[in-house]
């Protein structure tokens, strides 16, 4: 078992203990919002290679798919479709031939959220015109047939997304407990747990 998995399991155990120590719907709601696997979206213009990338990643199986949903997101540069929803924890954005204005708009909308640009059609000539996105999770596209590089980035991004989610949970619990004296002691015990303190300090 990896150190990351051990830490994740220990954090989950701390969450289980604070849940068992309180009978508070507000605490339960905060914990429920933070639960579930890390969601990865795959976006791209029609024909860019989204489905091919999802199939290739799914064939890897094991912990890759088990870590959370892998969803195809439509609506990029598709006039008859609604604008894509970009609230996934991690995003793989697939392009073909070049980075278009629609691609740039999507990448800008993600801000600093973990996003990797993937060249989904490596059989076609590609013009590498991606601007440097300083401070973001992605500065240059990765070829779609370089699955090892994609998976390495994806695994690291999902770990960071999970940590971010845990930090948000800690902050939300602190806010709820501040207004609810009956649950304050249980939440303070949770926040003093060494694993939880480590998560809160990993900014």
N, C-alpha and C. Protein backbone atom coordinates (compact mmCIF):
# COMPACT_ATOMS: atom_id res chain seq x y z
N UNK A 1 0.83 -1.19 0.00
CA UNK A 1 0.00 0.00 0.00
C UNK A 1 0.88 1.25 0.00
N UNK A 2 0.56 2.24 -0.83
CA UNK A 2 1.37 3.45 -0.94
C UNK A 2 1.16 4.35 0.28
N UNK A 3 2.13 5.26 0.51
CA UNK A 3 1.99 6.23 1.59
C UNK A 3 0.75 7.09 1.38
N UNK A 4 0.47 7.42 0.12
CA UNK A 4 -0.70 8.25 -0.19
C UNK A 4 -1.99 7.52 0.19
N UNK A 5 -2.07 6.23 -0.13
CA UNK A 5 -3.26 5.46 0.20
C UNK A 5 -3.41 5.31 1.71
N UNK A 6 -2.29 5.10 2.40
CA UNK A 6 -2.32 5.00 3.87
C UNK A 6 -2.84 6.30 4.48
N UNK A 7 -2.36 7.45 3.96
CA UNK A 7 -2.82 8.74 4.44
C UNK A 7 -4.30 8.95 4.15
N UNK A 8 -4.73 8.57 2.95
CA UNK A 8 -6.14 8.69 2.58
C UNK A 8 -7.01 7.84 3.49
N UNK A 9 -6.58 6.61 3.75
CA UNK A 9 -7.34 5.72 4.63
C UNK A 9 -7.41 6.27 6.05
N UNK A 10 -6.29 6.84 6.53
CA UNK A 10 -6.26 7.40 7.88
C UNK A 10 -7.19 8.62 7.98
N UNK A 11 -7.21 9.44 6.92
CA UNK A 11 -8.12 10.59 6.92
C UNK A 11 -9.57 10.11 6.92
N UNK A 12 -9.87 9.09 6.13
CA UNK A 12 -11.23 8.54 6.08
C UNK A 12 -11.64 8.00 7.45
N UNK A 13 -10.71 7.40 8.16
CA UNK A 13 -11.01 6.89 9.50
C UNK A 13 -11.30 8.04 10.46
N UNK A 14 -10.55 9.14 10.34
CA UNK A 14 -10.81 10.32 11.18
C UNK A 14 -12.19 10.90 10.88
N UNK A 15 -12.57 10.90 9.61
CA UNK A 15 -13.90 11.38 9.24
C UNK A 15 -14.98 10.46 9.82
N UNK A 16 -14.72 9.15 9.76
CA UNK A 16 -15.69 8.19 10.32
C UNK A 16 -15.88 8.44 11.82
N UNK A 17 -14.77 8.74 12.52
CA UNK A 17 -14.86 8.96 13.96
C UNK A 17 -15.66 10.22 14.29
N UNK A 18 -15.42 11.31 13.54
CA UNK A 18 -16.16 12.54 13.84
C UNK A 18 -17.63 12.37 13.48
N UNK A 19 -17.92 11.58 12.45
CA UNK A 19 -19.31 11.30 12.10
C UNK A 19 -20.00 10.52 13.21
N UNK A 20 -19.30 9.52 13.75
CA UNK A 20 -19.86 8.70 14.83
C UNK A 20 -20.03 9.50 16.12
N UNK A 21 -19.18 10.51 16.33
CA UNK A 21 -19.21 11.28 17.57
C UNK A 21 -20.26 12.39 17.57
N UNK A 22 -20.85 12.65 16.42
CA UNK A 22 -21.85 13.72 16.34
C UNK A 22 -23.16 13.18 15.77
N UNK A 23 -24.23 13.84 16.15
CA UNK A 23 -25.53 13.50 15.60
C UNK A 23 -26.11 14.81 15.06
N UNK A 24 -25.42 15.36 14.08
CA UNK A 24 -25.72 16.70 13.59
C UNK A 24 -25.88 16.64 12.08
N UNK A 25 -27.07 17.00 11.60
CA UNK A 25 -27.34 16.94 10.15
C UNK A 25 -26.43 17.86 9.35
N UNK A 26 -26.07 19.01 9.93
CA UNK A 26 -25.20 19.95 9.22
C UNK A 26 -23.81 19.34 9.02
N UNK A 27 -23.29 18.67 10.04
CA UNK A 27 -21.99 18.01 9.92
C UNK A 27 -22.07 16.90 8.88
N UNK A 28 -23.15 16.11 8.96
CA UNK A 28 -23.34 15.01 8.01
C UNK A 28 -23.41 15.53 6.58
N UNK A 29 -24.08 16.67 6.38
CA UNK A 29 -24.21 17.24 5.02
C UNK A 29 -22.86 17.69 4.49
N UNK A 30 -22.04 18.31 5.35
CA UNK A 30 -20.71 18.76 4.92
C UNK A 30 -19.86 17.56 4.52
N UNK A 31 -19.92 16.50 5.31
CA UNK A 31 -19.13 15.30 5.03
C UNK A 31 -19.62 14.63 3.75
N UNK A 32 -20.94 14.59 3.54
CA UNK A 32 -21.49 13.98 2.32
C UNK A 32 -21.04 14.73 1.07
N UNK A 33 -20.99 16.08 1.15
CA UNK A 33 -20.55 16.87 -0.01
C UNK A 33 -19.12 16.56 -0.40
N UNK A 34 -18.29 16.23 0.60
CA UNK A 34 -16.87 15.99 0.33
C UNK A 34 -16.59 14.55 -0.07
N UNK A 35 -17.58 13.68 0.00
CA UNK A 35 -17.37 12.26 -0.27
C UNK A 35 -17.32 11.95 -1.76
N UNK A 36 -17.15 10.67 -2.06
CA UNK A 36 -17.12 10.22 -3.45
C UNK A 36 -15.74 10.29 -4.05
N UNK A 37 -15.59 9.63 -5.18
CA UNK A 37 -14.31 9.61 -5.87
C UNK A 37 -14.02 10.91 -6.59
N UNK A 38 -12.77 11.13 -6.91
CA UNK A 38 -12.35 12.31 -7.66
C UNK A 38 -12.88 12.17 -9.09
N UNK A 39 -13.58 13.19 -9.56
CA UNK A 39 -14.21 13.16 -10.88
C UNK A 39 -13.26 13.73 -11.93
N UNK A 40 -13.04 12.96 -13.00
CA UNK A 40 -12.22 13.41 -14.12
C UNK A 40 -13.11 13.61 -15.33
N UNK A 41 -13.03 14.78 -15.93
CA UNK A 41 -13.77 15.06 -17.17
C UNK A 41 -12.82 14.97 -18.36
N UNK A 42 -13.37 14.58 -19.50
CA UNK A 42 -12.61 14.57 -20.75
C UNK A 42 -13.40 15.44 -21.73
N UNK A 43 -12.83 16.57 -22.11
CA UNK A 43 -13.48 17.50 -23.01
C UNK A 43 -12.72 17.56 -24.33
N UNK A 44 -13.32 18.26 -25.29
CA UNK A 44 -12.67 18.46 -26.58
C UNK A 44 -13.70 18.71 -27.66
N UNK A 45 -13.26 19.31 -28.75
CA UNK A 45 -14.17 19.55 -29.87
C UNK A 45 -14.62 18.21 -30.46
N UNK A 46 -15.75 18.20 -31.17
CA UNK A 46 -16.18 16.96 -31.82
C UNK A 46 -15.09 16.42 -32.75
N UNK A 47 -14.82 15.13 -32.65
CA UNK A 47 -13.83 14.49 -33.51
C UNK A 47 -12.39 14.62 -33.05
N UNK A 48 -12.17 15.25 -31.88
CA UNK A 48 -10.79 15.46 -31.41
C UNK A 48 -10.17 14.18 -30.86
N UNK A 49 -10.98 13.23 -30.43
CA UNK A 49 -10.44 11.97 -29.91
C UNK A 49 -10.76 11.70 -28.46
N UNK A 50 -11.84 12.32 -27.95
CA UNK A 50 -12.23 12.12 -26.54
C UNK A 50 -12.53 10.65 -26.25
N UNK A 51 -13.38 10.05 -27.07
CA UNK A 51 -13.79 8.66 -26.83
C UNK A 51 -12.60 7.71 -26.91
N UNK A 52 -11.69 7.98 -27.85
CA UNK A 52 -10.50 7.13 -27.99
C UNK A 52 -9.65 7.20 -26.73
N UNK A 53 -9.48 8.41 -26.18
CA UNK A 53 -8.68 8.57 -24.97
C UNK A 53 -9.35 7.86 -23.79
N UNK A 54 -10.67 8.03 -23.64
CA UNK A 54 -11.38 7.37 -22.54
C UNK A 54 -11.24 5.86 -22.65
N UNK A 55 -11.38 5.32 -23.86
CA UNK A 55 -11.24 3.87 -24.05
C UNK A 55 -9.84 3.40 -23.68
N UNK A 56 -8.82 4.16 -24.10
CA UNK A 56 -7.44 3.77 -23.81
C UNK A 56 -7.17 3.80 -22.31
N UNK A 57 -7.66 4.83 -21.63
CA UNK A 57 -7.45 4.91 -20.18
C UNK A 57 -8.24 3.83 -19.45
N UNK A 58 -9.45 3.56 -19.90
CA UNK A 58 -10.28 2.53 -19.27
C UNK A 58 -9.66 1.15 -19.41
N UNK A 59 -8.97 0.91 -20.52
CA UNK A 59 -8.30 -0.38 -20.72
C UNK A 59 -7.19 -0.61 -19.72
N UNK A 60 -6.65 0.50 -19.17
CA UNK A 60 -5.62 0.35 -18.13
C UNK A 60 -6.21 -0.30 -16.88
N UNK A 61 -7.53 -0.02 -16.63
CA UNK A 61 -8.26 -0.67 -15.54
C UNK A 61 -7.67 -0.41 -14.17
N UNK A 62 -7.94 -1.33 -13.26
CA UNK A 62 -7.41 -1.30 -11.90
C UNK A 62 -7.71 -0.02 -11.17
N UNK A 63 -6.69 0.50 -10.49
CA UNK A 63 -6.87 1.66 -9.62
C UNK A 63 -7.19 2.92 -10.41
N UNK A 64 -6.84 2.94 -11.70
CA UNK A 64 -7.09 4.14 -12.51
C UNK A 64 -8.58 4.43 -12.58
N UNK A 65 -9.36 3.43 -12.94
CA UNK A 65 -10.80 3.63 -13.08
C UNK A 65 -11.47 3.63 -11.72
N UNK A 66 -10.95 2.86 -10.77
CA UNK A 66 -11.56 2.76 -9.44
C UNK A 66 -11.45 4.05 -8.65
N UNK A 67 -10.52 4.95 -9.01
CA UNK A 67 -10.28 6.16 -8.24
C UNK A 67 -11.42 7.17 -8.36
N UNK A 68 -12.30 7.01 -9.32
CA UNK A 68 -13.42 7.93 -9.48
C UNK A 68 -13.90 7.95 -10.91
N UNK A 69 -15.05 8.58 -11.13
CA UNK A 69 -15.64 8.58 -12.47
C UNK A 69 -14.77 9.27 -13.52
N UNK A 70 -14.86 8.75 -14.74
CA UNK A 70 -14.19 9.31 -15.91
C UNK A 70 -15.30 9.64 -16.90
N UNK A 71 -15.60 10.93 -17.06
CA UNK A 71 -16.78 11.37 -17.81
C UNK A 71 -16.42 12.12 -19.08
N UNK A 72 -17.10 11.79 -20.18
CA UNK A 72 -16.94 12.55 -21.40
C UNK A 72 -17.84 13.78 -21.31
N UNK A 73 -17.26 14.95 -21.55
CA UNK A 73 -17.99 16.22 -21.43
C UNK A 73 -18.12 16.82 -22.82
N UNK A 74 -19.36 17.06 -23.25
CA UNK A 74 -19.63 17.59 -24.59
C UNK A 74 -19.88 19.10 -24.53
N UNK A 75 -19.86 19.73 -25.67
CA UNK A 75 -20.26 21.12 -25.77
C UNK A 75 -19.15 22.08 -26.14
N UNK A 76 -17.93 21.59 -26.37
CA UNK A 76 -16.84 22.48 -26.76
C UNK A 76 -16.93 22.75 -28.25
N UNK A 77 -17.13 24.02 -28.61
CA UNK A 77 -17.20 24.42 -30.02
C UNK A 77 -18.24 23.60 -30.78
N UNK A 78 -19.38 23.36 -30.12
CA UNK A 78 -20.48 22.61 -30.74
C UNK A 78 -21.71 23.53 -30.69
N UNK A 79 -22.03 24.21 -31.81
CA UNK A 79 -23.07 25.26 -31.81
C UNK A 79 -24.43 24.80 -31.28
N UNK A 80 -24.80 23.55 -31.51
CA UNK A 80 -26.13 23.10 -31.10
C UNK A 80 -26.16 22.50 -29.70
N UNK A 81 -25.04 22.52 -29.01
CA UNK A 81 -24.97 21.92 -27.67
C UNK A 81 -24.81 23.02 -26.62
N UNK A 82 -25.31 22.76 -25.41
CA UNK A 82 -25.08 23.75 -24.34
C UNK A 82 -23.62 23.83 -23.97
N UNK A 83 -23.23 24.93 -23.37
CA UNK A 83 -21.83 25.10 -22.96
C UNK A 83 -21.45 23.99 -21.98
N UNK A 84 -20.21 23.52 -22.07
CA UNK A 84 -19.80 22.42 -21.18
C UNK A 84 -19.73 22.85 -19.72
N UNK A 85 -20.06 21.94 -18.83
CA UNK A 85 -19.91 22.17 -17.39
C UNK A 85 -18.49 21.74 -17.03
N UNK A 86 -17.74 22.63 -16.41
CA UNK A 86 -16.31 22.39 -16.17
C UNK A 86 -15.97 22.31 -14.69
N UNK A 87 -16.86 21.69 -13.89
CA UNK A 87 -16.64 21.63 -12.45
C UNK A 87 -15.98 20.33 -11.99
N UNK A 88 -15.42 19.56 -12.91
CA UNK A 88 -14.76 18.32 -12.54
C UNK A 88 -13.50 18.62 -11.72
N UNK A 89 -13.11 17.67 -10.87
CA UNK A 89 -11.90 17.85 -10.06
C UNK A 89 -10.67 17.96 -10.95
N UNK A 90 -10.62 17.12 -11.98
CA UNK A 90 -9.48 17.04 -12.90
C UNK A 90 -10.04 17.02 -14.32
N UNK A 91 -9.34 17.65 -15.26
CA UNK A 91 -9.83 17.69 -16.64
C UNK A 91 -8.73 17.33 -17.62
N UNK A 92 -9.07 16.44 -18.56
CA UNK A 92 -8.21 16.14 -19.70
C UNK A 92 -8.89 16.77 -20.91
N UNK A 93 -8.23 17.76 -21.50
CA UNK A 93 -8.83 18.46 -22.65
C UNK A 93 -8.14 17.99 -23.92
N UNK A 94 -8.93 17.42 -24.83
CA UNK A 94 -8.39 16.81 -26.04
C UNK A 94 -8.50 17.77 -27.21
N UNK A 95 -7.38 17.93 -27.94
CA UNK A 95 -7.35 18.82 -29.11
C UNK A 95 -6.85 18.03 -30.31
N UNK A 96 -7.10 18.58 -31.50
CA UNK A 96 -6.58 17.98 -32.74
C UNK A 96 -6.10 19.10 -33.65
N UNK A 97 -4.96 18.89 -34.27
CA UNK A 97 -4.35 19.83 -35.23
C UNK A 97 -3.79 21.10 -34.59
N UNK A 98 -4.59 21.79 -33.78
CA UNK A 98 -4.13 23.05 -33.18
C UNK A 98 -5.02 23.40 -31.98
N UNK A 99 -4.59 24.40 -31.23
CA UNK A 99 -5.39 24.93 -30.14
C UNK A 99 -6.23 26.06 -30.71
N UNK A 100 -7.54 25.90 -30.70
CA UNK A 100 -8.44 26.91 -31.26
C UNK A 100 -8.86 27.92 -30.20
N UNK A 101 -9.60 28.94 -30.65
CA UNK A 101 -10.11 29.94 -29.71
C UNK A 101 -11.03 29.28 -28.69
N UNK A 102 -11.83 28.31 -29.12
CA UNK A 102 -12.73 27.61 -28.19
C UNK A 102 -11.92 26.82 -27.15
N UNK A 103 -10.82 26.21 -27.58
CA UNK A 103 -9.96 25.50 -26.64
C UNK A 103 -9.37 26.47 -25.63
N UNK A 104 -8.88 27.60 -26.11
CA UNK A 104 -8.27 28.58 -25.21
C UNK A 104 -9.28 29.11 -24.20
N UNK A 105 -10.52 29.33 -24.66
CA UNK A 105 -11.56 29.81 -23.74
C UNK A 105 -11.83 28.79 -22.65
N UNK A 106 -11.87 27.52 -23.03
CA UNK A 106 -12.10 26.47 -22.03
C UNK A 106 -10.95 26.41 -21.04
N UNK A 107 -9.72 26.44 -21.54
CA UNK A 107 -8.56 26.37 -20.65
C UNK A 107 -8.52 27.57 -19.70
N UNK A 108 -8.89 28.74 -20.21
CA UNK A 108 -8.92 29.93 -19.36
C UNK A 108 -10.01 29.81 -18.30
N UNK A 109 -11.15 29.21 -18.66
CA UNK A 109 -12.25 29.05 -17.70
C UNK A 109 -11.87 28.14 -16.55
N UNK A 110 -10.96 27.21 -16.80
CA UNK A 110 -10.52 26.30 -15.73
C UNK A 110 -9.58 26.98 -14.75
N UNK A 111 -8.98 28.10 -15.14
CA UNK A 111 -8.07 28.79 -14.24
C UNK A 111 -6.91 27.88 -13.85
N UNK A 112 -6.68 27.75 -12.53
CA UNK A 112 -5.57 26.92 -12.05
C UNK A 112 -6.01 25.51 -11.70
N UNK A 113 -7.28 25.15 -11.97
CA UNK A 113 -7.74 23.79 -11.69
C UNK A 113 -6.96 22.80 -12.55
N UNK A 114 -6.65 21.62 -12.02
CA UNK A 114 -5.81 20.66 -12.75
C UNK A 114 -6.38 20.30 -14.12
N UNK A 115 -5.65 20.69 -15.17
CA UNK A 115 -6.11 20.49 -16.54
C UNK A 115 -4.91 20.14 -17.41
N UNK A 116 -5.05 19.06 -18.18
CA UNK A 116 -3.99 18.64 -19.09
C UNK A 116 -4.53 18.66 -20.51
N UNK A 117 -3.80 19.30 -21.42
CA UNK A 117 -4.16 19.29 -22.83
C UNK A 117 -3.51 18.08 -23.49
N UNK A 118 -4.35 17.31 -24.18
CA UNK A 118 -3.90 16.07 -24.83
C UNK A 118 -4.14 16.18 -26.33
N UNK A 119 -3.12 15.89 -27.13
CA UNK A 119 -3.29 15.85 -28.58
C UNK A 119 -3.93 14.51 -28.92
N UNK A 120 -5.23 14.55 -29.21
CA UNK A 120 -6.00 13.32 -29.38
C UNK A 120 -5.84 12.63 -30.71
N UNK A 121 -5.32 13.35 -31.69
CA UNK A 121 -5.12 12.75 -33.02
C UNK A 121 -3.66 12.90 -33.41
N UNK A 122 -2.77 12.10 -32.78
CA UNK A 122 -1.34 12.23 -33.10
C UNK A 122 -1.00 11.84 -34.53
N UNK A 123 -1.97 11.25 -35.25
CA UNK A 123 -1.74 10.91 -36.66
C UNK A 123 -1.85 12.13 -37.56
N UNK A 124 -2.38 13.23 -37.03
CA UNK A 124 -2.54 14.47 -37.81
C UNK A 124 -1.44 15.45 -37.43
N UNK A 125 -1.03 16.31 -38.39
CA UNK A 125 -0.05 17.33 -38.04
C UNK A 125 -0.62 18.27 -36.97
N UNK A 126 0.22 18.65 -36.03
CA UNK A 126 -0.24 19.50 -34.93
C UNK A 126 0.63 20.74 -34.85
N UNK A 127 -0.03 21.90 -34.74
CA UNK A 127 0.69 23.16 -34.58
C UNK A 127 0.72 23.49 -33.09
N UNK A 128 1.87 23.34 -32.44
CA UNK A 128 1.94 23.56 -30.99
C UNK A 128 1.94 25.03 -30.64
N UNK A 129 0.75 25.61 -30.60
CA UNK A 129 0.64 27.05 -30.36
C UNK A 129 0.03 27.35 -29.00
N UNK A 130 0.25 26.46 -28.02
CA UNK A 130 -0.32 26.68 -26.69
C UNK A 130 0.46 27.79 -26.00
N UNK A 131 -0.25 28.83 -25.53
CA UNK A 131 0.46 29.86 -24.78
C UNK A 131 0.89 29.32 -23.42
N UNK A 132 1.94 29.90 -22.87
CA UNK A 132 2.38 29.48 -21.54
C UNK A 132 1.33 29.89 -20.52
N UNK A 133 0.80 28.92 -19.79
CA UNK A 133 -0.23 29.20 -18.79
C UNK A 133 0.43 29.14 -17.42
N UNK A 134 1.22 30.13 -17.12
CA UNK A 134 1.96 30.14 -15.86
C UNK A 134 1.01 30.03 -14.69
N UNK A 135 1.41 29.20 -13.73
CA UNK A 135 0.60 29.01 -12.54
C UNK A 135 -0.47 27.95 -12.70
N UNK A 136 -0.66 27.43 -13.90
CA UNK A 136 -1.67 26.40 -14.10
C UNK A 136 -1.02 25.03 -14.05
N UNK A 137 -1.87 24.01 -14.11
CA UNK A 137 -1.37 22.64 -14.03
C UNK A 137 -0.85 22.15 -15.38
N UNK A 138 -0.96 22.97 -16.42
CA UNK A 138 -0.61 22.48 -17.75
C UNK A 138 0.04 23.59 -18.56
N UNK A 139 1.23 23.35 -19.11
CA UNK A 139 1.89 24.35 -19.94
C UNK A 139 2.03 23.90 -21.38
N UNK A 140 2.02 22.63 -21.65
CA UNK A 140 2.21 22.13 -23.02
C UNK A 140 1.40 20.85 -23.20
N UNK A 141 0.92 20.61 -24.43
CA UNK A 141 0.11 19.40 -24.66
C UNK A 141 0.95 18.13 -24.64
N UNK A 142 0.28 17.03 -24.33
CA UNK A 142 0.90 15.70 -24.32
C UNK A 142 0.23 14.89 -25.43
N UNK A 143 1.02 14.13 -26.15
CA UNK A 143 0.46 13.29 -27.22
C UNK A 143 -0.49 12.25 -26.63
N UNK A 144 -1.60 12.03 -27.31
CA UNK A 144 -2.60 11.08 -26.85
C UNK A 144 -2.12 9.65 -26.81
N UNK A 145 -1.09 9.33 -27.60
CA UNK A 145 -0.58 7.96 -27.57
C UNK A 145 0.52 7.76 -26.53
N UNK A 146 0.83 8.81 -25.77
CA UNK A 146 1.79 8.70 -24.67
C UNK A 146 1.01 8.48 -23.37
N UNK A 147 0.39 7.31 -23.27
CA UNK A 147 -0.48 7.02 -22.12
C UNK A 147 0.28 7.04 -20.80
N UNK A 148 1.54 6.63 -20.82
CA UNK A 148 2.30 6.63 -19.57
C UNK A 148 2.41 8.05 -19.00
N UNK A 149 2.70 9.02 -19.86
CA UNK A 149 2.80 10.42 -19.41
C UNK A 149 1.45 10.94 -18.94
N UNK A 150 0.39 10.61 -19.66
CA UNK A 150 -0.96 11.05 -19.27
C UNK A 150 -1.33 10.46 -17.92
N UNK A 151 -1.10 9.16 -17.75
CA UNK A 151 -1.47 8.50 -16.50
C UNK A 151 -0.66 9.05 -15.33
N UNK A 152 0.64 9.31 -15.52
CA UNK A 152 1.46 9.89 -14.44
C UNK A 152 0.89 11.24 -14.01
N UNK A 153 0.59 12.09 -15.01
CA UNK A 153 0.03 13.41 -14.67
C UNK A 153 -1.32 13.24 -13.99
N UNK A 154 -2.15 12.36 -14.54
CA UNK A 154 -3.51 12.15 -14.03
C UNK A 154 -3.48 11.67 -12.58
N UNK A 155 -2.62 10.73 -12.27
CA UNK A 155 -2.54 10.21 -10.90
C UNK A 155 -2.11 11.31 -9.93
N UNK A 156 -1.12 12.11 -10.31
CA UNK A 156 -0.67 13.20 -9.44
C UNK A 156 -1.77 14.25 -9.27
N UNK A 157 -2.49 14.55 -10.36
CA UNK A 157 -3.56 15.54 -10.28
C UNK A 157 -4.70 15.07 -9.40
N UNK A 158 -5.02 13.78 -9.47
CA UNK A 158 -6.10 13.25 -8.63
C UNK A 158 -5.71 13.25 -7.16
N UNK A 159 -4.45 12.97 -6.86
CA UNK A 159 -3.98 13.03 -5.47
C UNK A 159 -4.14 14.45 -4.94
N UNK A 160 -3.71 15.44 -5.73
CA UNK A 160 -3.83 16.83 -5.30
C UNK A 160 -5.30 17.25 -5.18
N UNK A 161 -6.15 16.78 -6.09
CA UNK A 161 -7.58 17.10 -6.02
C UNK A 161 -8.19 16.53 -4.74
N UNK A 162 -7.79 15.32 -4.39
CA UNK A 162 -8.30 14.70 -3.16
C UNK A 162 -7.84 15.51 -1.95
N UNK A 163 -6.59 15.93 -1.93
CA UNK A 163 -6.09 16.75 -0.82
C UNK A 163 -6.86 18.06 -0.72
N UNK A 164 -7.11 18.69 -1.88
CA UNK A 164 -7.87 19.94 -1.90
C UNK A 164 -9.25 19.72 -1.30
N UNK A 165 -9.88 18.61 -1.69
CA UNK A 165 -11.22 18.30 -1.19
C UNK A 165 -11.19 18.11 0.33
N UNK A 166 -10.14 17.44 0.84
CA UNK A 166 -10.00 17.23 2.28
C UNK A 166 -9.81 18.56 3.01
N UNK A 167 -9.01 19.48 2.42
CA UNK A 167 -8.80 20.78 3.06
C UNK A 167 -10.10 21.57 3.13
N UNK A 168 -10.89 21.50 2.06
CA UNK A 168 -12.19 22.19 2.05
C UNK A 168 -13.10 21.60 3.13
N UNK A 169 -13.10 20.28 3.26
CA UNK A 169 -13.91 19.63 4.29
C UNK A 169 -13.52 20.13 5.67
N UNK A 170 -12.23 20.21 5.95
CA UNK A 170 -11.78 20.70 7.25
C UNK A 170 -12.28 22.11 7.52
N UNK A 171 -12.15 22.99 6.53
CA UNK A 171 -12.62 24.36 6.69
C UNK A 171 -14.12 24.44 6.89
N UNK A 172 -14.86 23.65 6.11
CA UNK A 172 -16.32 23.66 6.24
C UNK A 172 -16.77 23.14 7.60
N UNK A 173 -16.11 22.08 8.10
CA UNK A 173 -16.45 21.55 9.43
C UNK A 173 -16.16 22.59 10.51
N UNK A 174 -15.07 23.30 10.36
CA UNK A 174 -14.71 24.33 11.34
C UNK A 174 -15.77 25.42 11.38
N UNK A 175 -16.26 25.83 10.21
CA UNK A 175 -17.29 26.87 10.13
C UNK A 175 -18.58 26.40 10.78
N UNK A 176 -19.00 25.18 10.45
CA UNK A 176 -20.25 24.65 11.02
C UNK A 176 -20.12 24.52 12.53
N UNK A 177 -19.00 23.97 13.01
CA UNK A 177 -18.83 23.75 14.45
C UNK A 177 -18.79 25.06 15.23
N UNK A 178 -18.26 26.12 14.61
CA UNK A 178 -18.19 27.40 15.30
C UNK A 178 -19.57 27.92 15.67
N UNK A 179 -20.57 27.55 14.87
CA UNK A 179 -21.94 28.02 15.13
C UNK A 179 -22.78 27.00 15.89
N UNK A 180 -22.19 25.84 16.21
CA UNK A 180 -22.96 24.76 16.84
C UNK A 180 -22.16 24.20 18.02
N UNK A 181 -22.34 24.78 19.21
CA UNK A 181 -21.55 24.37 20.37
C UNK A 181 -21.64 22.88 20.69
N UNK A 182 -22.76 22.25 20.39
CA UNK A 182 -22.92 20.83 20.73
C UNK A 182 -21.96 19.93 19.96
N UNK A 183 -21.52 20.37 18.79
CA UNK A 183 -20.62 19.53 17.98
C UNK A 183 -19.19 20.05 17.96
N UNK A 184 -18.97 21.18 18.63
CA UNK A 184 -17.65 21.82 18.55
C UNK A 184 -16.53 20.91 19.07
N UNK A 185 -16.75 20.25 20.19
CA UNK A 185 -15.70 19.43 20.78
C UNK A 185 -15.29 18.29 19.85
N UNK A 186 -16.29 17.64 19.21
CA UNK A 186 -15.98 16.53 18.30
C UNK A 186 -15.19 17.01 17.09
N UNK A 187 -15.55 18.16 16.56
CA UNK A 187 -14.84 18.70 15.39
C UNK A 187 -13.44 19.15 15.78
N UNK A 188 -13.30 19.75 16.96
CA UNK A 188 -11.96 20.15 17.40
C UNK A 188 -11.06 18.94 17.58
N UNK A 189 -11.60 17.84 18.10
CA UNK A 189 -10.82 16.60 18.23
C UNK A 189 -10.40 16.11 16.85
N UNK A 190 -11.32 16.16 15.88
CA UNK A 190 -11.02 15.78 14.50
C UNK A 190 -9.89 16.64 13.94
N UNK A 191 -9.98 17.95 14.14
CA UNK A 191 -9.00 18.87 13.57
C UNK A 191 -7.62 18.73 14.22
N UNK A 192 -7.57 18.19 15.44
CA UNK A 192 -6.29 17.98 16.12
C UNK A 192 -5.65 16.64 15.77
N UNK A 193 -6.38 15.79 15.05
CA UNK A 193 -5.81 14.51 14.63
C UNK A 193 -4.57 14.78 13.78
N UNK A 194 -3.44 14.10 14.05
CA UNK A 194 -2.20 14.36 13.28
C UNK A 194 -2.37 14.24 11.76
N UNK A 195 -3.16 13.27 11.31
CA UNK A 195 -3.37 13.12 9.87
C UNK A 195 -4.11 14.32 9.32
N UNK A 196 -5.13 14.78 10.05
CA UNK A 196 -5.91 15.94 9.61
C UNK A 196 -5.05 17.20 9.64
N UNK A 197 -4.24 17.35 10.68
CA UNK A 197 -3.35 18.51 10.74
C UNK A 197 -2.37 18.51 9.57
N UNK A 198 -1.91 17.33 9.18
CA UNK A 198 -1.01 17.22 8.03
C UNK A 198 -1.70 17.66 6.75
N UNK A 199 -2.95 17.24 6.57
CA UNK A 199 -3.72 17.63 5.38
C UNK A 199 -3.90 19.14 5.36
N UNK A 200 -4.25 19.72 6.50
CA UNK A 200 -4.49 21.16 6.55
C UNK A 200 -3.23 21.96 6.30
N UNK A 201 -2.07 21.37 6.63
CA UNK A 201 -0.82 22.08 6.43
C UNK A 201 -0.23 21.93 5.04
N UNK A 202 -0.83 21.04 4.20
CA UNK A 202 -0.26 20.76 2.86
C UNK A 202 -0.85 21.68 1.81
N UNK A 203 -0.66 22.97 1.98
CA UNK A 203 -1.23 23.95 1.04
C UNK A 203 -0.21 24.28 -0.03
